PDB file of N, CA and C in Angstrom:
ATOM      1  N   MET A   1      -5.741 -47.856 -25.603  1.00  0.00           N
ATOM      2  CA  MET A   1      -6.949 -47.162 -26.014  1.00  0.00           C
ATOM      3  C   MET A   1      -7.610 -46.527 -24.788  1.00  0.00           C
ATOM      4  N   ASP A   2      -8.092 -45.326 -24.929  1.00  0.00           N
ATOM      5  CA  ASP A   2      -8.674 -44.559 -23.836  1.00  0.00           C
ATOM      6  C   ASP A   2     -10.168 -44.871 -23.718  1.00  0.00           C
ATOM      7  N   LYS A   3     -10.586 -45.443 -22.577  1.00  0.00           N
ATOM      8  CA  LYS A   3     -11.995 -45.789 -22.378  1.00  0.00           C
ATOM      9  C   LYS A   3     -12.866 -44.548 -22.292  1.00  0.00           C
ATOM     10  N   LYS A   4     -12.334 -43.462 -21.778  1.00  0.00           N
ATOM     11  CA  LYS A   4     -13.095 -42.219 -21.710  1.00  0.00           C
ATOM     12  C   LYS A   4     -13.417 -41.729 -23.118  1.00  0.00           C
ATOM     13  N   GLY A   5     -12.504 -41.854 -24.042  1.00  0.00           N
ATOM     14  CA  GLY A   5     -12.702 -41.445 -25.427  1.00  0.00           C
ATOM     15  C   GLY A   5     -13.786 -42.273 -26.101  1.00  0.00           C
ATOM     16  N   GLN A   6     -13.830 -43.577 -25.776  1.00  0.00           N
ATOM     17  CA  GLN A   6     -14.864 -44.442 -26.345  1.00  0.00           C
ATOM     18  C   GLN A   6     -16.245 -44.046 -25.824  1.00  0.00           C
ATOM     19  N   MET A   7     -16.357 -43.716 -24.565  1.00  0.00           N
ATOM     20  CA  MET A   7     -17.646 -43.306 -23.984  1.00  0.00           C
ATOM     21  C   MET A   7     -18.112 -41.987 -24.567  1.00  0.00           C
ATOM     22  N   ASP A   8     -17.176 -41.096 -24.835  1.00  0.00           N
ATOM     23  CA  ASP A   8     -17.542 -39.802 -25.414  1.00  0.00           C
ATOM     24  C   ASP A   8     -18.144 -39.955 -26.810  1.00  0.00           C
ATOM     25  N   THR A   9     -17.740 -40.973 -27.549  1.00  0.00           N
ATOM     26  CA  THR A   9     -18.306 -41.183 -28.885  1.00  0.00           C
ATOM     27  C   THR A   9     -19.597 -41.995 -28.833  1.00  0.00           C
ATOM     28  N   LEU A  10     -19.806 -42.791 -27.813  1.00  0.00           N
ATOM     29  CA  LEU A  10     -21.023 -43.615 -27.711  1.00  0.00           C
ATOM     30  C   LEU A  10     -22.235 -42.826 -27.228  1.00  0.00           C
ATOM     31  N   VAL A  11     -22.025 -41.856 -26.357  1.00  0.00           N
ATOM     32  CA  VAL A  11     -23.134 -41.099 -25.784  1.00  0.00           C
ATOM     33  C   VAL A  11     -23.964 -40.398 -26.869  1.00  0.00           C
ATOM     34  N   PRO A  12     -23.372 -39.676 -27.814  1.00  0.00           N
ATOM     35  CA  PRO A  12     -24.198 -39.043 -28.848  1.00  0.00           C
ATOM     36  C   PRO A  12     -24.944 -40.072 -29.709  1.00  0.00           C
ATOM     37  N   ILE A  13     -24.322 -41.206 -29.967  1.00  0.00           N
ATOM     38  CA  ILE A  13     -24.991 -42.248 -30.765  1.00  0.00           C
ATOM     39  C   ILE A  13     -26.198 -42.794 -30.012  1.00  0.00           C
ATOM     40  N   ILE A  14     -26.040 -43.059 -28.741  1.00  0.00           N
ATOM     41  CA  ILE A  14     -27.145 -43.587 -27.929  1.00  0.00           C
ATOM     42  C   ILE A  14     -28.264 -42.560 -27.832  1.00  0.00           C
ATOM     43  N   ILE A  15     -27.938 -41.305 -27.626  1.00  0.00           N
ATOM     44  CA  ILE A  15     -28.953 -40.250 -27.550  1.00  0.00           C
ATOM     45  C   ILE A  15     -29.682 -40.121 -28.885  1.00  0.00           C
ATOM     46  N   THR A  16     -28.951 -40.186 -29.981  1.00  0.00           N
ATOM     47  CA  THR A  16     -29.559 -40.110 -31.308  1.00  0.00           C
ATOM     48  C   THR A  16     -30.529 -41.269 -31.522  1.00  0.00           C
ATOM     49  N   LEU A  17     -30.121 -42.470 -31.144  1.00  0.00           N
ATOM     50  CA  LEU A  17     -30.999 -43.639 -31.282  1.00  0.00           C
ATOM     51  C   LEU A  17     -32.259 -43.507 -30.422  1.00  0.00           C
ATOM     52  N   LEU A  18     -32.121 -42.975 -29.221  1.00  0.00           N
ATOM     53  CA  LEU A  18     -33.279 -42.770 -28.354  1.00  0.00           C
ATOM     54  C   LEU A  18     -34.242 -41.745 -28.951  1.00  0.00           C
ATOM     55  N   VAL A  19     -33.704 -40.657 -29.499  1.00  0.00           N
ATOM     56  CA  VAL A  19     -34.548 -39.624 -30.110  1.00  0.00           C
ATOM     57  C   VAL A  19     -35.281 -40.203 -31.331  1.00  0.00           C
ATOM     58  N   ILE A  20     -34.568 -40.955 -32.167  1.00  0.00           N
ATOM     59  CA  ILE A  20     -35.199 -41.577 -33.335  1.00  0.00           C
ATOM     60  C   ILE A  20     -36.305 -42.527 -32.898  1.00  0.00           C
ATOM     61  N   GLY A  21     -36.047 -43.327 -31.876  1.00  0.00           N
ATOM     62  CA  GLY A  21     -37.069 -44.242 -31.363  1.00  0.00           C
ATOM     63  C   GLY A  21     -38.275 -43.496 -30.825  1.00  0.00           C
ATOM     64  N   LEU A  22     -38.052 -42.383 -30.144  1.00  0.00           N
ATOM     65  CA  LEU A  22     -39.146 -41.580 -29.608  1.00  0.00           C
ATOM     66  C   LEU A  22     -39.980 -40.975 -30.735  1.00  0.00           C
ATOM     67  N   VAL A  23     -39.322 -40.438 -31.749  1.00  0.00           N
ATOM     68  CA  VAL A  23     -40.032 -39.848 -32.891  1.00  0.00           C
ATOM     69  C   VAL A  23     -40.846 -40.923 -33.630  1.00  0.00           C
ATOM     70  N   LEU A  24     -40.258 -42.085 -33.856  1.00  0.00           N
ATOM     71  CA  LEU A  24     -40.988 -43.175 -34.513  1.00  0.00           C
ATOM     72  C   LEU A  24     -42.179 -43.629 -33.675  1.00  0.00           C
ATOM     73  N   GLY A  25     -41.985 -43.730 -32.371  1.00  0.00           N
ATOM     74  CA  GLY A  25     -43.081 -44.141 -31.492  1.00  0.00           C
ATOM     75  C   GLY A  25     -44.247 -43.163 -31.542  1.00  0.00           C
ATOM     76  N   ILE A  26     -43.955 -41.876 -31.472  1.00  0.00           N
ATOM     77  CA  ILE A  26     -45.006 -40.852 -31.553  1.00  0.00           C
ATOM     78  C   ILE A  26     -45.675 -40.900 -32.920  1.00  0.00           C
ATOM     79  N   GLY A  27     -44.882 -41.084 -33.977  1.00  0.00           N
ATOM     80  CA  GLY A  27     -45.438 -41.173 -35.329  1.00  0.00           C
ATOM     81  C   GLY A  27     -46.404 -42.337 -35.477  1.00  0.00           C
ATOM     82  N   PHE A  28     -46.055 -43.485 -34.934  1.00  0.00           N
ATOM     83  CA  PHE A  28     -46.946 -44.640 -35.010  1.00  0.00           C
ATOM     84  C   PHE A  28     -48.238 -44.416 -34.227  1.00  0.00           C
ATOM     85  N   VAL A  29     -48.151 -43.758 -33.098  1.00  0.00           N
ATOM     86  CA  VAL A  29     -49.360 -43.453 -32.316  1.00  0.00           C
ATOM     87  C   VAL A  29     -50.282 -42.529 -33.102  1.00  0.00           C
ATOM     88  N   VAL A  30     -49.728 -41.502 -33.733  1.00  0.00           N
ATOM     89  CA  VAL A  30     -50.518 -40.563 -34.524  1.00  0.00           C
ATOM     90  C   VAL A  30     -51.151 -41.281 -35.713  1.00  0.00           C
ATOM     91  N   LEU A  31     -50.394 -42.094 -36.420  1.00  0.00           N
ATOM     92  CA  LEU A  31     -50.932 -42.838 -37.562  1.00  0.00           C
ATOM     93  C   LEU A  31     -52.042 -43.788 -37.132  1.00  0.00           C
ATOM     94  N   GLN A  32     -51.903 -44.406 -35.990  1.00  0.00           N
ATOM     95  CA  GLN A  32     -52.944 -45.318 -35.500  1.00  0.00           C
ATOM     96  C   GLN A  32     -54.233 -44.561 -35.200  1.00  0.00           C
ATOM     97  N   GLU A  33     -54.115 -43.341 -34.701  1.00  0.00           N
ATOM     98  CA  GLU A  33     -55.302 -42.530 -34.451  1.00  0.00           C
ATOM     99  C   GLU A  33     -56.038 -42.224 -35.748  1.00  0.00           C
ATOM    100  N   PHE A  34     -55.291 -41.906 -36.813  1.00  0.00           N
ATOM    101  CA  PHE A  34     -55.922 -41.659 -38.106  1.00  0.00           C
ATOM    102  C   PHE A  34     -56.582 -42.920 -38.634  1.00  0.00           C
ATOM    103  N   ALA A  35     -55.952 -44.050 -38.476  1.00  0.00           N
ATOM    104  CA  ALA A  35     -56.524 -45.312 -38.951  1.00  0.00           C
ATOM    105  C   ALA A  35     -57.796 -45.650 -38.186  1.00  0.00           C
ATOM    106  N   ASP A  36     -57.835 -45.346 -36.902  1.00  0.00           N
ATOM    107  CA  ASP A  36     -59.016 -45.638 -36.092  1.00  0.00           C
ATOM    108  C   ASP A  36     -60.194 -44.738 -36.439  1.00  0.00           C
ATOM    109  N   ASN A  37     -59.946 -43.577 -37.041  1.00  0.00           N
ATOM    110  CA  ASN A  37     -61.022 -42.658 -37.388  1.00  0.00           C
ATOM    111  C   ASN A  37     -61.793 -43.085 -38.628  1.00  0.00           C
ATOM    112  N   ARG A  38     -61.299 -44.066 -39.338  1.00  0.00           N
ATOM    113  CA  ARG A  38     -62.005 -44.557 -40.521  1.00  0.00           C
ATOM    114  C   ARG A  38     -63.278 -45.234 -40.055  1.00  0.00           C
ATOM    115  N   GLY A  39     -64.396 -44.849 -40.643  1.00  0.00           N
ATOM    116  CA  GLY A  39     -65.693 -45.278 -40.153  1.00  0.00           C
ATOM    117  C   GLY A  39     -65.962 -46.758 -40.290  1.00  0.00           C
ATOM    118  N   ASP A  40     -66.720 -47.277 -39.349  1.00  0.00           N
ATOM    119  CA  ASP A  40     -67.153 -48.663 -39.429  1.00  0.00           C
ATOM    120  C   ASP A  40     -68.655 -48.789 -39.202  1.00  0.00           C
ATOM    121  N   THR A  41     -69.378 -47.680 -39.333  1.00  0.00           N
ATOM    122  CA  THR A  41     -70.834 -47.692 -39.213  1.00  0.00           C
ATOM    123  C   THR A  41     -71.424 -47.638 -40.615  1.00  0.00           C
ATOM    124  N   LEU A  42     -72.310 -48.577 -40.911  1.00  0.00           N
ATOM    125  CA  LEU A  42     -72.899 -48.671 -42.243  1.00  0.00           C
ATOM    126  C   LEU A  42     -74.023 -47.657 -42.414  1.00  0.00           C
ATOM    127  N   GLY A  43     -73.958 -46.907 -43.499  1.00  0.00           N
ATOM    128  CA  GLY A  43     -75.021 -45.969 -43.856  1.00  0.00           C
ATOM    129  C   GLY A  43     -75.667 -46.408 -45.161  1.00  0.00           C
ATOM    130  N   THR A  44     -76.920 -46.064 -45.341  1.00  0.00           N
ATOM    131  CA  THR A  44     -77.650 -46.426 -46.551  1.00  0.00           C
ATOM    132  C   THR A  44     -78.428 -45.225 -47.047  1.00  0.00           C
ATOM    133  N   ALA A  45     -78.406 -45.022 -48.349  1.00  0.00           N
ATOM    134  CA  ALA A  45     -79.242 -44.007 -48.986  1.00  0.00           C
ATOM    135  C   ALA A  45     -80.132 -44.737 -49.983  1.00  0.00           C
ATOM    136  N   THR A  46     -81.412 -44.419 -49.948  1.00  0.00           N
ATOM    137  CA  THR A  46     -82.372 -45.101 -50.812  1.00  0.00           C
ATOM    138  C   THR A  46     -83.056 -44.089 -51.719  1.00  0.00           C
ATOM    139  N   ASN A  47     -83.068 -44.403 -53.010  1.00  0.00           N
ATOM    140  CA  ASN A  47     -83.736 -43.575 -54.028  1.00  0.00           C
ATOM    141  C   ASN A  47     -83.297 -42.118 -53.997  1.00  0.00           C
ATOM    142  N   GLU A  48     -82.016 -41.895 -53.877  1.00  0.00           N
ATOM    143  CA  GLU A  48     -81.494 -40.530 -53.927  1.00  0.00           C
ATOM    144  C   GLU A  48     -81.472 -40.071 -55.387  1.00  0.00           C
ATOM    145  N   SER A  49     -81.962 -38.874 -55.644  1.00  0.00           N
ATOM    146  CA  SER A  49     -82.075 -38.361 -57.007  1.00  0.00           C
ATOM    147  C   SER A  49     -80.748 -37.819 -57.503  1.00  0.00           C
ATOM    148  N   ILE A  50     -80.369 -38.222 -58.724  1.00  0.00           N
ATOM    149  CA  ILE A  50     -79.169 -37.718 -59.375  1.00  0.00           C
ATOM    150  C   ILE A  50     -79.467 -37.498 -60.859  1.00  0.00           C
ATOM    151  N   ILE A  51     -78.575 -36.811 -61.534  1.00  0.00           N
ATOM    152  CA  ILE A  51     -78.622 -36.674 -62.993  1.00  0.00           C
ATOM    153  C   ILE A  51     -77.443 -37.469 -63.540  1.00  0.00           C
ATOM    154  N   LEU A  52     -77.709 -38.422 -64.410  1.00  0.00           N
ATOM    155  CA  LEU A  52     -76.661 -39.293 -64.930  1.00  0.00           C
ATOM    156  C   LEU A  52     -75.787 -38.559 -65.940  1.00  0.00           C
ATOM    157  N   ALA A  53     -74.476 -38.806 -65.855  1.00  0.00           N
ATOM    158  CA  ALA A  53     -73.534 -38.147 -66.760  1.00  0.00           C
ATOM    159  C   ALA A  53     -72.368 -39.078 -67.059  1.00  0.00           C
ATOM    160  N   THR A  54     -71.870 -39.025 -68.288  1.00  0.00           N
ATOM    161  CA  THR A  54     -70.726 -39.865 -68.641  1.00  0.00           C
ATOM    162  C   THR A  54     -69.461 -39.415 -67.924  1.00  0.00           C
ATOM    163  N   ALA A  55     -69.377 -38.142 -67.568  1.00  0.00           N
ATOM    164  CA  ALA A  55     -68.213 -37.653 -66.825  1.00  0.00           C
ATOM    165  C   ALA A  55     -68.259 -38.102 -65.374  1.00  0.00           C
ATOM    166  N   GLY A  56     -69.406 -38.530 -64.925  1.00  0.00           N
ATOM    167  CA  GLY A  56     -69.561 -38.988 -63.554  1.00  0.00           C
ATOM    168  C   GLY A  56     -70.405 -38.039 -62.734  1.00  0.00           C
ATOM    169  N   THR A  57     -71.187 -38.610 -61.854  1.00  0.00           N
ATOM    170  CA  THR A  57     -72.058 -37.856 -60.967  1.00  0.00           C
ATOM    171  C   THR A  57     -71.862 -38.391 -59.562  1.00  0.00           C
ATOM    172  N   TYR A  58     -71.662 -37.497 -58.601  1.00  0.00           N
ATOM    173  CA  TYR A  58     -71.563 -37.941 -57.224  1.00  0.00           C
ATOM    174  C   TYR A  58     -72.937 -38.411 -56.756  1.00  0.00           C
ATOM    175  N   ALA A  59     -72.967 -39.543 -56.073  1.00  0.00           N
ATOM    176  CA  ALA A  59     -74.233 -40.097 -55.609  1.00  0.00           C
ATOM    177  C   ALA A  59     -74.921 -39.148 -54.635  1.00  0.00           C
ATOM    178  N   ASP A  60     -74.158 -38.534 -53.751  1.00  0.00           N
ATOM    179  CA  ASP A  60     -74.705 -37.574 -52.810  1.00  0.00           C
ATOM    180  C   ASP A  60     -74.516 -36.184 -53.408  1.00  0.00           C
ATOM    181  N   ASN A  61     -75.593 -35.507 -53.684  1.00  0.00           N
ATOM    182  CA  ASN A  61     -75.514 -34.190 -54.337  1.00  0.00           C
ATOM    183  C   ASN A  61     -74.769 -33.155 -53.499  1.00  0.00           C
ATOM    184  N   ASN A  62     -74.613 -33.408 -52.200  1.00  0.00           N
ATOM    185  CA  ASN A  62     -73.903 -32.475 -51.333  1.00  0.00           C
ATOM    186  C   ASN A  62     -72.397 -32.694 -51.360  1.00  0.00           C
ATOM    187  N   VAL A  63     -71.951 -33.763 -52.016  1.00  0.00           N
ATOM    188  CA  VAL A  63     -70.530 -34.092 -52.066  1.00  0.00           C
ATOM    189  C   VAL A  63     -69.939 -33.532 -53.343  1.00  0.00           C
ATOM    190  N   SER A  64     -68.826 -32.840 -53.232  1.00  0.00           N
ATOM    191  CA  SER A  64     -68.205 -32.285 -54.428  1.00  0.00           C
ATOM    192  C   SER A  64     -66.704 -32.542 -54.467  1.00  0.00           C
ATOM    193  N   ALA A  65     -66.222 -33.451 -53.645  1.00  0.00           N
ATOM    194  CA  ALA A  65     -64.791 -33.748 -53.629  1.00  0.00           C
ATOM    195  C   ALA A  65     -64.571 -35.252 -53.594  1.00  0.00           C
ATOM    196  N   ASP A  66     -63.444 -35.666 -54.135  1.00  0.00           N
ATOM    197  CA  ASP A  66     -63.113 -37.087 -54.126  1.00  0.00           C
ATOM    198  C   ASP A  66     -62.785 -37.569 -52.721  1.00  0.00           C
ATOM    199  N   ASN A  67     -62.827 -38.883 -52.549  1.00  0.00           N
ATOM    200  CA  ASN A  67     -62.467 -39.560 -51.306  1.00  0.00           C
ATOM    201  C   ASN A  67     -63.352 -39.173 -50.132  1.00  0.00           C
ATOM    202  N   CYS A  68     -64.634 -39.001 -50.387  1.00  0.00           N
ATOM    203  CA  CYS A  68     -65.564 -38.659 -49.318  1.00  0.00           C
ATOM    204  C   CYS A  68     -66.274 -39.883 -48.762  1.00  0.00           C
ATOM    205  N   PHE A  69     -66.144 -41.009 -49.424  1.00  0.00           N
ATOM    206  CA  PHE A  69     -66.830 -42.212 -48.990  1.00  0.00           C
ATOM    207  C   PHE A  69     -65.831 -43.260 -48.540  1.00  0.00           C
ATOM    208  N   ASN A  70     -66.298 -44.150 -47.707  1.00  0.00           N
ATOM    209  CA  ASN A  70     -65.539 -45.302 -47.271  1.00  0.00           C
ATOM    210  C   ASN A  70     -66.320 -46.521 -47.725  1.00  0.00           C
ATOM    211  N   THR A  71     -65.816 -47.253 -48.682  1.00  0.00           N
ATOM    212  CA  THR A  71     -66.430 -48.474 -49.192  1.00  0.00           C
ATOM    213  C   THR A  71     -67.831 -48.219 -49.748  1.00  0.00           C
ATOM    214  N   PHE A  72     -67.924 -47.297 -50.662  1.00  0.00           N
ATOM    215  CA  PHE A  72     -69.173 -46.959 -51.354  1.00  0.00           C
ATOM    216  C   PHE A  72     -69.563 -48.114 -52.276  1.00  0.00           C
ATOM    217  N   THR A  73     -70.822 -48.558 -52.191  1.00  0.00           N
ATOM    218  CA  THR A  73     -71.314 -49.651 -53.037  1.00  0.00           C
ATOM    219  C   THR A  73     -72.718 -49.320 -53.520  1.00  0.00           C
ATOM    220  N   VAL A  74     -72.910 -49.362 -54.823  1.00  0.00           N
ATOM    221  CA  VAL A  74     -74.226 -49.093 -55.409  1.00  0.00           C
ATOM    222  C   VAL A  74     -75.038 -50.383 -55.401  1.00  0.00           C
ATOM    223  N   SER A  75     -76.272 -50.292 -54.901  1.00  0.00           N
ATOM    224  CA  SER A  75     -77.188 -51.427 -54.928  1.00  0.00           C
ATOM    225  C   SER A  75     -78.035 -51.409 -56.190  1.00  0.00           C
ATOM    226  N   ALA A  76     -78.525 -50.222 -56.565  1.00  0.00           N
ATOM    227  CA  ALA A  76     -79.395 -50.113 -57.735  1.00  0.00           C
ATOM    228  C   ALA A  76     -79.415 -48.681 -58.246  1.00  0.00           C
ATOM    229  N   VAL A  77     -79.530 -48.552 -59.573  1.00  0.00           N
ATOM    230  CA  VAL A  77     -79.746 -47.262 -60.215  1.00  0.00           C
ATOM    231  C   VAL A  77     -80.938 -47.428 -61.146  1.00  0.00           C
ATOM    232  N   TYR A  78     -81.968 -46.628 -60.917  1.00  0.00           N
ATOM    233  CA  TYR A  78     -83.173 -46.669 -61.743  1.00  0.00           C
ATOM    234  C   TYR A  78     -83.302 -45.358 -62.503  1.00  0.00           C
ATOM    235  N   ASN A  79     -83.595 -45.443 -63.805  1.00  0.00           N
ATOM    236  CA  ASN A  79     -84.023 -44.233 -64.480  1.00  0.00           C
ATOM    237  C   ASN A  79     -85.542 -44.259 -64.453  1.00  0.00           C
ATOM    238  N   SER A  80     -86.203 -43.461 -65.244  1.00  0.00           N
ATOM    239  CA  SER A  80     -87.660 -43.377 -65.139  1.00  0.00           C
ATOM    240  C   SER A  80     -88.376 -44.649 -65.562  1.00  0.00           C
ATOM    241  N   THR A  81     -87.711 -45.508 -66.333  1.00  0.00           N
ATOM    242  CA  THR A  81     -88.415 -46.682 -66.850  1.00  0.00           C
ATOM    243  C   THR A  81     -87.812 -48.013 -66.463  1.00  0.00           C
ATOM    244  N   GLN A  82     -86.537 -48.041 -66.061  1.00  0.00           N
ATOM    245  CA  GLN A  82     -85.924 -49.352 -65.842  1.00  0.00           C
ATOM    246  C   GLN A  82     -84.782 -49.312 -64.848  1.00  0.00           C
ATOM    247  N   LEU A  83     -84.421 -50.513 -64.405  1.00  0.00           N
ATOM    248  CA  LEU A  83     -83.236 -50.700 -63.572  1.00  0.00           C
ATOM    249  C   LEU A  83     -82.030 -50.770 -64.496  1.00  0.00           C
ATOM    250  N   LEU A  84     -81.014 -49.937 -64.240  1.00  0.00           N
ATOM    251  CA  LEU A  84     -79.809 -49.957 -65.058  1.00  0.00           C
ATOM    252  C   LEU A  84     -78.852 -51.014 -64.525  1.00  0.00           C
ATOM    253  N   ASP A  85     -78.155 -51.667 -65.426  1.00  0.00           N
ATOM    254  CA  ASP A  85     -77.238 -52.734 -65.049  1.00  0.00           C
ATOM    255  C   ASP A  85     -75.817 -52.222 -64.914  1.00  0.00           C
ATOM    256  N   THR A  86     -75.080 -52.808 -63.985  1.00  0.00           N
ATOM    257  CA  THR A  86     -73.645 -52.584 -63.922  1.00  0.00           C
ATOM    258  C   THR A  86     -72.976 -53.890 -64.291  1.00  0.00           C
ATOM    259  N   PRO A  87     -71.953 -53.941 -65.063  1.00  0.00           N
ATOM    260  CA  PRO A  87     -71.223 -52.836 -65.655  1.00  0.00           C
ATOM    261  C   PRO A  87     -71.759 -52.416 -67.019  1.00  0.00           C
ATOM    262  N   GLY A  88     -72.871 -52.933 -67.438  1.00  0.00           N
ATOM    263  CA  GLY A  88     -73.394 -52.614 -68.758  1.00  0.00           C
ATOM    264  C   GLY A  88     -73.735 -51.162 -68.971  1.00  0.00           C
ATOM    265  N   ASN A  89     -74.324 -50.496 -67.992  1.00  0.00           N
ATOM    266  CA  ASN A  89     -74.727 -49.099 -68.149  1.00  0.00           C
ATOM    267  C   ASN A  89     -73.858 -48.119 -67.365  1.00  0.00           C
ATOM    268  N   TYR A  90     -73.272 -48.557 -66.262  1.00  0.00           N
ATOM    269  CA  TYR A  90     -72.500 -47.642 -65.427  1.00  0.00           C
ATOM    270  C   TYR A  90     -71.471 -48.405 -64.599  1.00  0.00           C
ATOM    271  N   THR A  91     -70.529 -47.674 -64.079  1.00  0.00           N
ATOM    272  CA  THR A  91     -69.587 -48.170 -63.081  1.00  0.00           C
ATOM    273  C   THR A  91     -69.587 -47.161 -61.936  1.00  0.00           C
ATOM    274  N   TYR A  92     -68.943 -47.495 -60.837  1.00  0.00           N
ATOM    275  CA  TYR A  92     -68.839 -46.552 -59.717  1.00  0.00           C
ATOM    276  C   TYR A  92     -67.487 -46.690 -59.049  1.00  0.00           C
ATOM    277  N   VAL A  93     -67.103 -45.630 -58.340  1.00  0.00           N
ATOM    278  CA  VAL A  93     -65.814 -45.576 -57.671  1.00  0.00           C
ATOM    279  C   VAL A  93     -66.057 -45.670 -56.166  1.00  0.00           C
ATOM    280  N   THR A  94     -65.504 -46.698 -55.528  1.00  0.00           N
ATOM    281  CA  THR A  94     -65.799 -46.942 -54.111  1.00  0.00           C
ATOM    282  C   THR A  94     -65.276 -45.862 -53.180  1.00  0.00           C
ATOM    283  N   ALA A  95     -64.191 -45.183 -53.533  1.00  0.00           N
ATOM    284  CA  ALA A  95     -63.618 -44.174 -52.638  1.00  0.00           C
ATOM    285  C   ALA A  95     -64.292 -42.816 -52.775  1.00  0.00           C
ATOM    286  N   THR A  96     -64.908 -42.542 -53.941  1.00  0.00           N
ATOM    287  CA  THR A  96     -65.418 -41.194 -54.177  1.00  0.00           C
ATOM    288  C   THR A  96     -66.934 -41.104 -54.175  1.00  0.00           C
ATOM    289  N   GLY A  97     -67.620 -42.208 -54.378  1.00  0.00           N
ATOM    290  CA  GLY A  97     -69.074 -42.151 -54.484  1.00  0.00           C
ATOM    291  C   GLY A  97     -69.530 -41.619 -55.830  1.00  0.00           C
ATOM    292  N   LYS A  98     -68.660 -41.700 -56.821  1.00  0.00           N
ATOM    293  CA  LYS A  98     -68.999 -41.192 -58.147  1.00  0.00           C
ATOM    294  C   LYS A  98     -69.548 -42.330 -59.011  1.00  0.00           C
ATOM    295  N   ILE A  99     -70.692 -42.071 -59.643  1.00  0.00           N
ATOM    296  CA  ILE A  99     -71.304 -43.021 -60.570  1.00  0.00           C
ATOM    297  C   ILE A  99     -71.009 -42.519 -61.979  1.00  0.00           C
ATOM    298  N   ILE A 100     -70.445 -43.380 -62.808  1.00  0.00           N
ATOM    299  CA  ILE A 100     -70.007 -42.980 -64.143  1.00  0.00           C
ATOM    300  C   ILE A 100     -70.758 -43.806 -65.180  1.00  0.00           C
ATOM    301  N   LEU A 101     -71.499 -43.129 -66.055  1.00  0.00           N
ATOM    302  CA  LEU A 101     -72.182 -43.817 -67.150  1.00  0.00           C
ATOM    303  C   LEU A 101     -71.180 -44.280 -68.188  1.00  0.00           C
ATOM    304  N   ASP A 102     -71.481 -45.396 -68.846  1.00  0.00           N
ATOM    305  CA  ASP A 102     -70.662 -45.813 -69.971  1.00  0.00           C
ATOM    306  C   ASP A 102     -70.762 -44.756 -71.058  1.00  0.00           C
ATOM    307  N   SER A 103     -69.699 -44.588 -71.815  1.00  0.00           N
ATOM    308  CA  SER A 103     -69.627 -43.489 -72.770  1.00  0.00           C
ATOM    309  C   SER A 103     -70.693 -43.554 -73.855  1.00  0.00           C
ATOM    310  N   ASP A 104     -71.172 -44.747 -74.171  1.00  0.00           N
ATOM    311  CA  ASP A 104     -72.182 -44.855 -75.229  1.00  0.00           C
ATOM    312  C   ASP A 104     -73.591 -44.995 -74.661  1.00  0.00           C
ATOM    313  N   SER A 105     -73.770 -44.623 -73.414  1.00  0.00           N
ATOM    314  CA  SER A 105     -75.067 -44.804 -72.774  1.00  0.00           C
ATOM    315  C   SER A 105     -76.132 -43.877 -73.352  1.00  0.00           C
ATOM    316  N   LEU A 106     -77.323 -44.411 -73.488  1.00  0.00           N
ATOM    317  CA  LEU A 106     -78.468 -43.625 -73.950  1.00  0.00           C
ATOM    318  C   LEU A 106     -79.100 -42.828 -72.813  1.00  0.00           C
ATOM    319  N   HIS A 107     -78.581 -43.004 -71.603  1.00  0.00           N
ATOM    320  CA  HIS A 107     -79.201 -42.402 -70.422  1.00  0.00           C
ATOM    321  C   HIS A 107     -78.533 -41.103 -69.982  1.00  0.00           C
ATOM    322  N   THR A 108     -77.593 -40.586 -70.754  1.00  0.00           N
ATOM    323  CA  THR A 108     -76.884 -39.359 -70.385  1.00  0.00           C
ATOM    324  C   THR A 108     -77.858 -38.202 -70.199  1.00  0.00           C
ATOM    325  N   GLY A 109     -77.737 -37.520 -69.076  1.00  0.00           N
ATOM    326  CA  GLY A 109     -78.591 -36.376 -68.773  1.00  0.00           C
ATOM    327  C   GLY A 109     -79.935 -36.746 -68.172  1.00  0.00           C
ATOM    328  N   ALA A 110     -80.187 -38.029 -68.020  1.00  0.00           N
ATOM    329  CA  ALA A 110     -81.473 -38.473 -67.480  1.00  0.00           C
ATOM    330  C   ALA A 110     -81.480 -38.396 -65.954  1.00  0.00           C
ATOM    331  N   ALA A 111     -82.646 -38.122 -65.420  1.00  0.00           N
ATOM    332  CA  ALA A 111     -82.811 -38.175 -63.968  1.00  0.00           C
ATOM    333  C   ALA A 111     -82.857 -39.638 -63.559  1.00  0.00           C
ATOM    334  N   ALA A 112     -82.309 -39.924 -62.392  1.00  0.00           N
ATOM    335  CA  ALA A 112     -82.289 -41.306 -61.915  1.00  0.00           C
ATOM    336  C   ALA A 112     -82.365 -41.311 -60.395  1.00  0.00           C
ATOM    337  N   ASN A 113     -82.695 -42.458 -59.858  1.00  0.00           N
ATOM    338  CA  ASN A 113     -82.673 -42.675 -58.422  1.00  0.00           C
ATOM    339  C   ASN A 113     -81.633 -43.751 -58.133  1.00  0.00           C
ATOM    340  N   VAL A 114     -80.840 -43.513 -57.127  1.00  0.00           N
ATOM    341  CA  VAL A 114     -79.776 -44.454 -56.785  1.00  0.00           C
ATOM    342  C   VAL A 114     -79.922 -44.895 -55.325  1.00  0.00           C
ATOM    343  N   THR A 115     -79.662 -46.166 -55.092  1.00  0.00           N
ATOM    344  CA  THR A 115     -79.646 -46.719 -53.752  1.00  0.00           C
ATOM    345  C   THR A 115     -78.221 -47.233 -53.519  1.00  0.00           C
ATOM    346  N   TYR A 116     -77.608 -46.825 -52.405  1.00  0.00           N
ATOM    347  CA  TYR A 116     -76.236 -47.216 -52.144  1.00  0.00           C
ATOM    348  C   TYR A 116     -75.968 -47.343 -50.651  1.00  0.00           C
ATOM    349  N   THR A 117     -74.855 -47.995 -50.333  1.00  0.00           N
ATOM    350  CA  THR A 117     -74.398 -48.120 -48.957  1.00  0.00           C
ATOM    351  C   THR A 117     -72.964 -47.594 -48.879  1.00  0.00           C
ATOM    352  N   TYR A 118     -72.551 -47.214 -47.676  1.00  0.00           N
ATOM    353  CA  TYR A 118     -71.201 -46.715 -47.429  1.00  0.00           C
ATOM    354  C   TYR A 118     -70.957 -46.793 -45.939  1.00  0.00           C
ATOM    355  N   TYR A 119     -69.712 -46.691 -45.564  1.00  0.00           N
ATOM    356  CA  TYR A 119     -69.350 -46.654 -44.146  1.00  0.00           C
ATOM    357  C   TYR A 119     -68.944 -45.236 -43.757  1.00  0.00           C
ATOM    358  N   TYR A 120     -69.279 -44.858 -42.528  1.00  0.00           N
ATOM    359  CA  TYR A 120     -68.875 -43.548 -42.019  1.00  0.00           C
ATOM    360  C   TYR A 120     -68.461 -43.654 -40.577  1.00  0.00           C
TER     361      TYR A 120
END
């Protein structure tokens, strides 16, 4: 068996493995940067005005796209006369900041104030 022939076949394999390792290493560094950008500072909004809807209303009126919040949590939703209960009157989506009234709610279209927390 020719040792030179064996080396000629090993070199491309070793180079390929090194390139794959380099690409994976760079990929992991990039992914870690994205993971580190996820917010860890707590923000709070108190008595923010919204209009309640069964289709859902974004808690922040300036938000119009999904996945704008990090760990969105509603503390309280008040209409003009009472504190609304969850899950009895509404639910919310932690990733989007959307508050959704139950389909049979009597509060559809009503103005409300919402207090919530989120991370940014």
